[in-house]
Amino acid sequence: MVTTLSQEIGLTPAAAARIAAIAAKQGKPAILRLSVEGGGCSGFQYKFELAGAAEADDAVAETDGVQLLVDPVSLDLVRGASVDFVESLGGAAFRVTNPNAASGCGCGTSFAV
């Protein structure tokens, strides 16, 4: 059963627009999977990839018709987080604002709990 978690994890309109643009260029559905893996300079790192469809146990947040999927194990580490797309002089990237992270690193893709 797919769980909708708009209150537990979020996707900003800027991130949704960027995902939709990338998916359209690649001819894929506008679905982004966020997962957490061990590694990175702070212990855990975020991984993003386009997905074809939700798995049965995925949590799903939706913004402007774009879905954000999170598996149950990763959800425990990102509950309450928000995924944004930011552009700056240093480049453009998806950024996770995670209230569960006790610390992070300068690159913004790694965190510790």
C-alpha atoms as a PDB file:
ATOM      1  CA  MET A   1       0.000   0.000   0.000  1.00  0.00           C
ATOM      2  CA  VAL A   2       1.430   3.393  -1.011  1.00  0.00           C
ATOM      3  CA  THR A   3       1.287   5.977   1.763  1.00  0.00           C
ATOM      4  CA  THR A   4       0.786   9.663   0.992  1.00  0.00           C
ATOM      5  CA  LEU A   5       2.898  11.757   3.335  1.00  0.00           C
ATOM      6  CA  SER A   6       2.477  15.377   2.368  1.00  0.00           C
ATOM      7  CA  GLN A   7       2.816  16.277   6.065  1.00  0.00           C
ATOM      8  CA  GLU A   8       5.905  14.128   6.688  1.00  0.00           C
ATOM      9  CA  ILE A   9       8.057  14.962   3.673  1.00  0.00           C
ATOM     10  CA  GLY A  10       7.731  17.750   1.178  1.00  0.00           C
ATOM     11  CA  LEU A  11       8.657  18.779  -2.329  1.00  0.00           C
ATOM     12  CA  THR A  12       8.867  22.488  -3.109  1.00  0.00           C
ATOM     13  CA  PRO A  13       7.344  23.913  -6.306  1.00  0.00           C
ATOM     14  CA  ALA A  14      10.874  24.758  -7.554  1.00  0.00           C
ATOM     15  CA  ALA A  15      11.975  21.142  -7.107  1.00  0.00           C
ATOM     16  CA  ALA A  16       8.784  19.852  -8.721  1.00  0.00           C
ATOM     17  CA  ALA A  17       9.306  22.100 -11.761  1.00  0.00           C
ATOM     18  CA  ARG A  18      12.924  20.937 -12.173  1.00  0.00           C
ATOM     19  CA  ILE A  19      11.971  17.264 -11.843  1.00  0.00           C
ATOM     20  CA  ALA A  20       9.215  17.728 -14.435  1.00  0.00           C
ATOM     21  CA  ALA A  21      11.688  19.354 -16.849  1.00  0.00           C
ATOM     22  CA  ILE A  22      14.310  16.609 -16.403  1.00  0.00           C
ATOM     23  CA  ALA A  23      11.712  13.844 -16.742  1.00  0.00           C
ATOM     24  CA  ALA A  24      10.257  15.420 -19.909  1.00  0.00           C
ATOM     25  CA  LYS A  25      13.724  15.606 -21.508  1.00  0.00           C
ATOM     26  CA  GLN A  26      14.334  11.942 -20.703  1.00  0.00           C
ATOM     27  CA  GLY A  27      10.820  10.806 -21.650  1.00  0.00           C
ATOM     28  CA  LYS A  28      10.174   9.455 -18.146  1.00  0.00           C
ATOM     29  CA  PRO A  29       7.400  10.010 -15.566  1.00  0.00           C
ATOM     30  CA  ALA A  30       7.888  13.000 -13.241  1.00  0.00           C
ATOM     31  CA  ILE A  31       8.751  10.840 -10.223  1.00  0.00           C
ATOM     32  CA  LEU A  32      11.837  11.415  -8.065  1.00  0.00           C
ATOM     33  CA  ARG A  33      13.081   8.806  -5.614  1.00  0.00           C
ATOM     34  CA  LEU A  34      14.941  10.050  -2.538  1.00  0.00           C
ATOM     35  CA  SER A  35      16.898   7.439  -0.630  1.00  0.00           C
ATOM     36  CA  VAL A  36      19.533   7.501   2.076  1.00  0.00           C
ATOM     37  CA  GLU A  37      22.700   5.436   1.884  1.00  0.00           C
ATOM     38  CA  GLY A  38      25.618   4.960   4.223  1.00  0.00           C
ATOM     39  CA  GLY A  39      28.663   6.976   3.215  1.00  0.00           C
ATOM     40  CA  GLY A  40      29.542  10.539   2.427  1.00  0.00           C
ATOM     41  CA  CYS A  41      31.680  12.718   4.654  1.00  0.00           C
ATOM     42  CA  SER A  42      29.136  12.777   7.515  1.00  0.00           C
ATOM     43  CA  GLY A  43      27.921   9.162   7.673  1.00  0.00           C
ATOM     44  CA  PHE A  44      24.802   9.194   5.453  1.00  0.00           C
ATOM     45  CA  GLN A  45      24.237  10.612   2.003  1.00  0.00           C
ATOM     46  CA  TYR A  46      21.168  11.464  -0.045  1.00  0.00           C
ATOM     47  CA  LYS A  47      20.629   9.744  -3.373  1.00  0.00           C
ATOM     48  CA  PHE A  48      18.250  11.037  -6.048  1.00  0.00           C
ATOM     49  CA  GLU A  49      17.054   9.192  -9.137  1.00  0.00           C
ATOM     50  CA  LEU A  50      14.099   9.269 -11.492  1.00  0.00           C
ATOM     51  CA  ALA A  51      11.739   6.359 -10.888  1.00  0.00           C
ATOM     52  CA  GLY A  52       9.256   4.645 -13.169  1.00  0.00           C
ATOM     53  CA  ALA A  53       6.598   4.059 -10.521  1.00  0.00           C
ATOM     54  CA  ALA A  54       6.081   3.814  -6.784  1.00  0.00           C
ATOM     55  CA  GLU A  55       6.808   0.568  -4.961  1.00  0.00           C
ATOM     56  CA  ALA A  56       4.075  -0.849  -2.723  1.00  0.00           C
ATOM     57  CA  ASP A  57       5.755   0.298   0.508  1.00  0.00           C
ATOM     58  CA  ASP A  58       6.919   3.747  -0.677  1.00  0.00           C
ATOM     59  CA  ALA A  59       5.816   6.946   0.981  1.00  0.00           C
ATOM     60  CA  VAL A  60       4.684   9.488  -1.623  1.00  0.00           C
ATOM     61  CA  ALA A  61       4.520  13.276  -1.517  1.00  0.00           C
ATOM     62  CA  GLU A  62       3.091  15.133  -4.505  1.00  0.00           C
ATOM     63  CA  THR A  63       3.503  18.740  -5.632  1.00  0.00           C
ATOM     64  CA  ASP A  64       2.148  20.132  -8.904  1.00  0.00           C
ATOM     65  CA  GLY A  65       1.667  16.612 -10.288  1.00  0.00           C
ATOM     66  CA  VAL A  66       5.251  15.543  -9.504  1.00  0.00           C
ATOM     67  CA  GLN A  67       5.816  12.710  -7.041  1.00  0.00           C
ATOM     68  CA  LEU A  68       8.571  12.291  -4.469  1.00  0.00           C
ATOM     69  CA  LEU A  69       9.055   8.676  -3.356  1.00  0.00           C
ATOM     70  CA  VAL A  70      10.813   7.548  -0.175  1.00  0.00           C
ATOM     71  CA  ASP A  71      11.366   3.936   0.887  1.00  0.00           C
ATOM     72  CA  PRO A  72      10.468   2.949   4.492  1.00  0.00           C
ATOM     73  CA  VAL A  73      14.074   2.678   5.727  1.00  0.00           C
ATOM     74  CA  SER A  74      15.065   6.075   4.324  1.00  0.00           C
ATOM     75  CA  LEU A  75      11.855   7.657   5.607  1.00  0.00           C
ATOM     76  CA  ASP A  76      12.981   7.156   9.205  1.00  0.00           C
ATOM     77  CA  LEU A  77      16.015   9.355   8.451  1.00  0.00           C
ATOM     78  CA  VAL A  78      14.231  12.074   6.440  1.00  0.00           C
ATOM     79  CA  ARG A  79      10.821  12.359   8.124  1.00  0.00           C
ATOM     80  CA  GLY A  80       9.822  16.036   8.201  1.00  0.00           C
ATOM     81  CA  ALA A  81      12.335  16.962   5.495  1.00  0.00           C
ATOM     82  CA  SER A  82      11.761  19.099   2.436  1.00  0.00           C
ATOM     83  CA  VAL A  83      13.392  18.747  -0.986  1.00  0.00           C
ATOM     84  CA  ASP A  84      14.109  21.994  -2.831  1.00  0.00           C
ATOM     85  CA  PHE A  85      15.950  22.914  -6.030  1.00  0.00           C
ATOM     86  CA  VAL A  86      18.363  25.809  -5.633  1.00  0.00           C
ATOM     87  CA  GLU A  87      20.497  27.677  -8.123  1.00  0.00           C
ATOM     88  CA  SER A  88      23.496  29.698  -7.001  1.00  0.00           C
ATOM     89  CA  LEU A  89      26.894  30.812  -8.243  1.00  0.00           C
ATOM     90  CA  GLY A  90      28.228  27.431  -7.141  1.00  0.00           C
ATOM     91  CA  GLY A  91      25.774  25.576  -9.393  1.00  0.00           C
ATOM     92  CA  ALA A  92      22.312  24.114  -9.240  1.00  0.00           C
ATOM     93  CA  ALA A  93      21.264  21.155  -7.100  1.00  0.00           C
ATOM     94  CA  PHE A  94      18.500  19.481  -5.178  1.00  0.00           C
ATOM     95  CA  ARG A  95      18.827  20.365  -1.501  1.00  0.00           C
ATOM     96  CA  VAL A  96      17.296  18.479   1.416  1.00  0.00           C
ATOM     97  CA  THR A  97      16.342  20.420   4.540  1.00  0.00           C
ATOM     98  CA  ASN A  98      16.293  17.639   7.118  1.00  0.00           C
ATOM     99  CA  PRO A  99      15.256  18.333  10.739  1.00  0.00           C
ATOM    100  CA  ASN A 100      16.659  14.920  11.750  1.00  0.00           C
ATOM    101  CA  ALA A 101      20.211  15.768  10.712  1.00  0.00           C
ATOM    102  CA  ALA A 102      22.397  16.579  13.721  1.00  0.00           C
ATOM    103  CA  SER A 103      25.152  17.794  11.426  1.00  0.00           C
ATOM    104  CA  GLY A 104      25.949  18.048   7.760  1.00  0.00           C
ATOM    105  CA  CYS A 105      28.784  18.869   5.450  1.00  0.00           C
ATOM    106  CA  GLY A 106      29.548  21.780   3.178  1.00  0.00           C
ATOM    107  CA  CYS A 107      28.418  19.962   0.038  1.00  0.00           C
ATOM    108  CA  GLY A 108      24.880  19.529   1.409  1.00  0.00           C
ATOM    109  CA  THR A 109      24.571  15.908   0.271  1.00  0.00           C
ATOM    110  CA  SER A 110      25.836  14.238   3.431  1.00  0.00           C
ATOM    111  CA  PHE A 111      24.515  14.269   6.998  1.00  0.00           C
ATOM    112  CA  ALA A 112      24.735  12.634  10.425  1.00  0.00           C
ATOM    113  CA  VAL A 113      21.954  11.840  12.899  1.00  0.00           C
END
